[in-house]
């Protein structure tokens, strides 16, 4: 199964098994899809520690259209979602 399908399965797991709110699921979907769009790989085995470190650097340097950087807490939310996904 590709990563997009695994993310969908993970989000359904959060909804059914973990009873997470719809807002939490929406946020996790956003965070995980951002990672998936950035990394340009489709297989779980291609997610490596160096890749995750590069992603953290990207989040730290990311700015919105106004040039405002992501807050540290928002960066942490991205990593929390990714860590939860990779744990399963």
C-alpha atoms as a PDB file:
ATOM      1  CA  UNK A   1       0.000   0.000   0.000  1.00  0.00           C
ATOM      2  CA  UNK A   2       1.264   3.487  -0.773  1.00  0.00           C
ATOM      3  CA  UNK A   3       1.716   6.247   1.802  1.00  0.00           C
ATOM      4  CA  UNK A   4      -1.426   8.118   0.829  1.00  0.00           C
ATOM      5  CA  UNK A   5      -3.506   5.013   1.504  1.00  0.00           C
ATOM      6  CA  UNK A   6      -1.709   4.399   4.782  1.00  0.00           C
ATOM      7  CA  UNK A   7      -2.451   7.968   5.880  1.00  0.00           C
ATOM      8  CA  UNK A   8      -6.129   7.448   5.092  1.00  0.00           C
ATOM      9  CA  UNK A   9      -6.113   4.213   7.115  1.00  0.00           C
ATOM     10  CA  UNK A  10      -4.382   6.028   9.991  1.00  0.00           C
ATOM     11  CA  UNK A  11      -6.950   8.837  10.003  1.00  0.00           C
ATOM     12  CA  UNK A  12      -9.785   6.311  10.044  1.00  0.00           C
ATOM     13  CA  UNK A  13      -8.064   4.521  12.929  1.00  0.00           C
ATOM     14  CA  UNK A  14      -7.922   7.817  14.854  1.00  0.00           C
ATOM     15  CA  UNK A  15     -11.622   8.349  14.286  1.00  0.00           C
ATOM     16  CA  UNK A  16     -12.869   4.845  15.084  1.00  0.00           C
ATOM     17  CA  UNK A  17     -10.385   3.338  17.521  1.00  0.00           C
ATOM     18  CA  UNK A  18      -9.002   6.408  19.267  1.00  0.00           C
ATOM     19  CA  UNK A  19     -12.222   8.485  19.154  1.00  0.00           C
ATOM     20  CA  UNK A  20     -10.381  11.650  18.107  1.00  0.00           C
ATOM     21  CA  UNK A  21     -12.373  14.754  17.204  1.00  0.00           C
ATOM     22  CA  UNK A  22     -13.003  15.676  13.593  1.00  0.00           C
ATOM     23  CA  UNK A  23     -10.861  18.788  14.053  1.00  0.00           C
ATOM     24  CA  UNK A  24      -7.925  16.670  15.266  1.00  0.00           C
ATOM     25  CA  UNK A  25      -8.332  14.372  12.279  1.00  0.00           C
ATOM     26  CA  UNK A  26      -8.470  17.350   9.899  1.00  0.00           C
ATOM     27  CA  UNK A  27      -5.312  18.791  11.435  1.00  0.00           C
ATOM     28  CA  UNK A  28      -3.451  15.470  11.265  1.00  0.00           C
ATOM     29  CA  UNK A  29      -4.547  15.091   7.654  1.00  0.00           C
ATOM     30  CA  UNK A  30      -3.159  18.561   6.853  1.00  0.00           C
ATOM     31  CA  UNK A  31       0.136  17.928   8.648  1.00  0.00           C
ATOM     32  CA  UNK A  32       0.686  14.489   7.116  1.00  0.00           C
ATOM     33  CA  UNK A  33      -0.291  15.552   3.584  1.00  0.00           C
ATOM     34  CA  UNK A  34       2.135  18.481   3.838  1.00  0.00           C
ATOM     35  CA  UNK A  35       4.892  16.004   4.708  1.00  0.00           C
ATOM     36  CA  UNK A  36       3.829  13.654   1.910  1.00  0.00           C
ATOM     37  CA  UNK A  37       3.758  16.486  -0.653  1.00  0.00           C
ATOM     38  CA  UNK A  38       7.184  17.704   0.404  1.00  0.00           C
ATOM     39  CA  UNK A  39       9.061  14.424   0.542  1.00  0.00           C
ATOM     40  CA  UNK A  40       8.069  13.118  -2.906  1.00  0.00           C
ATOM     41  CA  UNK A  41       8.342   9.420  -1.997  1.00  0.00           C
ATOM     42  CA  UNK A  42       5.568   6.857  -1.942  1.00  0.00           C
ATOM     43  CA  UNK A  43       6.919   3.960   0.098  1.00  0.00           C
ATOM     44  CA  UNK A  44       7.104   3.849   3.914  1.00  0.00           C
ATOM     45  CA  UNK A  45      10.621   2.393   3.766  1.00  0.00           C
ATOM     46  CA  UNK A  46      11.812   5.648   2.156  1.00  0.00           C
ATOM     47  CA  UNK A  47      11.062   7.662   5.311  1.00  0.00           C
ATOM     48  CA  UNK A  48      14.417   7.964   7.039  1.00  0.00           C
ATOM     49  CA  UNK A  49      15.762   9.913   9.991  1.00  0.00           C
ATOM     50  CA  UNK A  50      17.798  12.242   7.724  1.00  0.00           C
ATOM     51  CA  UNK A  51      14.635  12.938   5.710  1.00  0.00           C
ATOM     52  CA  UNK A  52      12.720  13.808   8.876  1.00  0.00           C
ATOM     53  CA  UNK A  53      15.544  16.103  10.008  1.00  0.00           C
ATOM     54  CA  UNK A  54      15.384  17.921   6.655  1.00  0.00           C
ATOM     55  CA  UNK A  55      11.625  18.247   7.074  1.00  0.00           C
ATOM     56  CA  UNK A  56      12.065  19.783  10.527  1.00  0.00           C
ATOM     57  CA  UNK A  57      14.471  22.291   8.992  1.00  0.00           C
ATOM     58  CA  UNK A  58      11.929  23.062   6.270  1.00  0.00           C
ATOM     59  CA  UNK A  59       9.225  23.669   8.886  1.00  0.00           C
ATOM     60  CA  UNK A  60      11.561  25.968  10.790  1.00  0.00           C
ATOM     61  CA  UNK A  61      12.237  28.004   7.644  1.00  0.00           C
ATOM     62  CA  UNK A  62       8.656  27.901   6.302  1.00  0.00           C
ATOM     63  CA  UNK A  63       6.792  31.198   6.012  1.00  0.00           C
ATOM     64  CA  UNK A  64       3.258  32.002   4.968  1.00  0.00           C
ATOM     65  CA  UNK A  65       2.299  34.437   2.196  1.00  0.00           C
ATOM     66  CA  UNK A  66       2.913  37.362   4.535  1.00  0.00           C
ATOM     67  CA  UNK A  67       6.398  36.131   5.405  1.00  0.00           C
ATOM     68  CA  UNK A  68       5.417  35.036   8.904  1.00  0.00           C
ATOM     69  CA  UNK A  69       7.298  31.921  10.061  1.00  0.00           C
ATOM     70  CA  UNK A  70       5.513  28.926  11.550  1.00  0.00           C
ATOM     71  CA  UNK A  71       5.277  29.146  15.305  1.00  0.00           C
ATOM     72  CA  UNK A  72       7.260  26.582  17.275  1.00  0.00           C
ATOM     73  CA  UNK A  73       4.060  24.999  18.571  1.00  0.00           C
ATOM     74  CA  UNK A  74       2.756  24.579  15.010  1.00  0.00           C
ATOM     75  CA  UNK A  75       6.043  22.969  14.004  1.00  0.00           C
ATOM     76  CA  UNK A  76       5.664  20.635  16.978  1.00  0.00           C
ATOM     77  CA  UNK A  77       2.119  19.691  15.890  1.00  0.00           C
ATOM     78  CA  UNK A  78       3.483  18.626  12.501  1.00  0.00           C
ATOM     79  CA  UNK A  79       6.085  16.405  14.148  1.00  0.00           C
ATOM     80  CA  UNK A  80       3.597  14.960  16.658  1.00  0.00           C
ATOM     81  CA  UNK A  81       1.276  13.930  13.820  1.00  0.00           C
ATOM     82  CA  UNK A  82       4.160  12.403  11.897  1.00  0.00           C
ATOM     83  CA  UNK A  83       5.456  10.543  14.953  1.00  0.00           C
ATOM     84  CA  UNK A  84       1.971   9.146  15.684  1.00  0.00           C
ATOM     85  CA  UNK A  85       1.595   8.012  12.097  1.00  0.00           C
ATOM     86  CA  UNK A  86       5.008   6.337  11.988  1.00  0.00           C
ATOM     87  CA  UNK A  87       4.418   4.569  15.295  1.00  0.00           C
ATOM     88  CA  UNK A  88       1.633   2.421  13.845  1.00  0.00           C
END
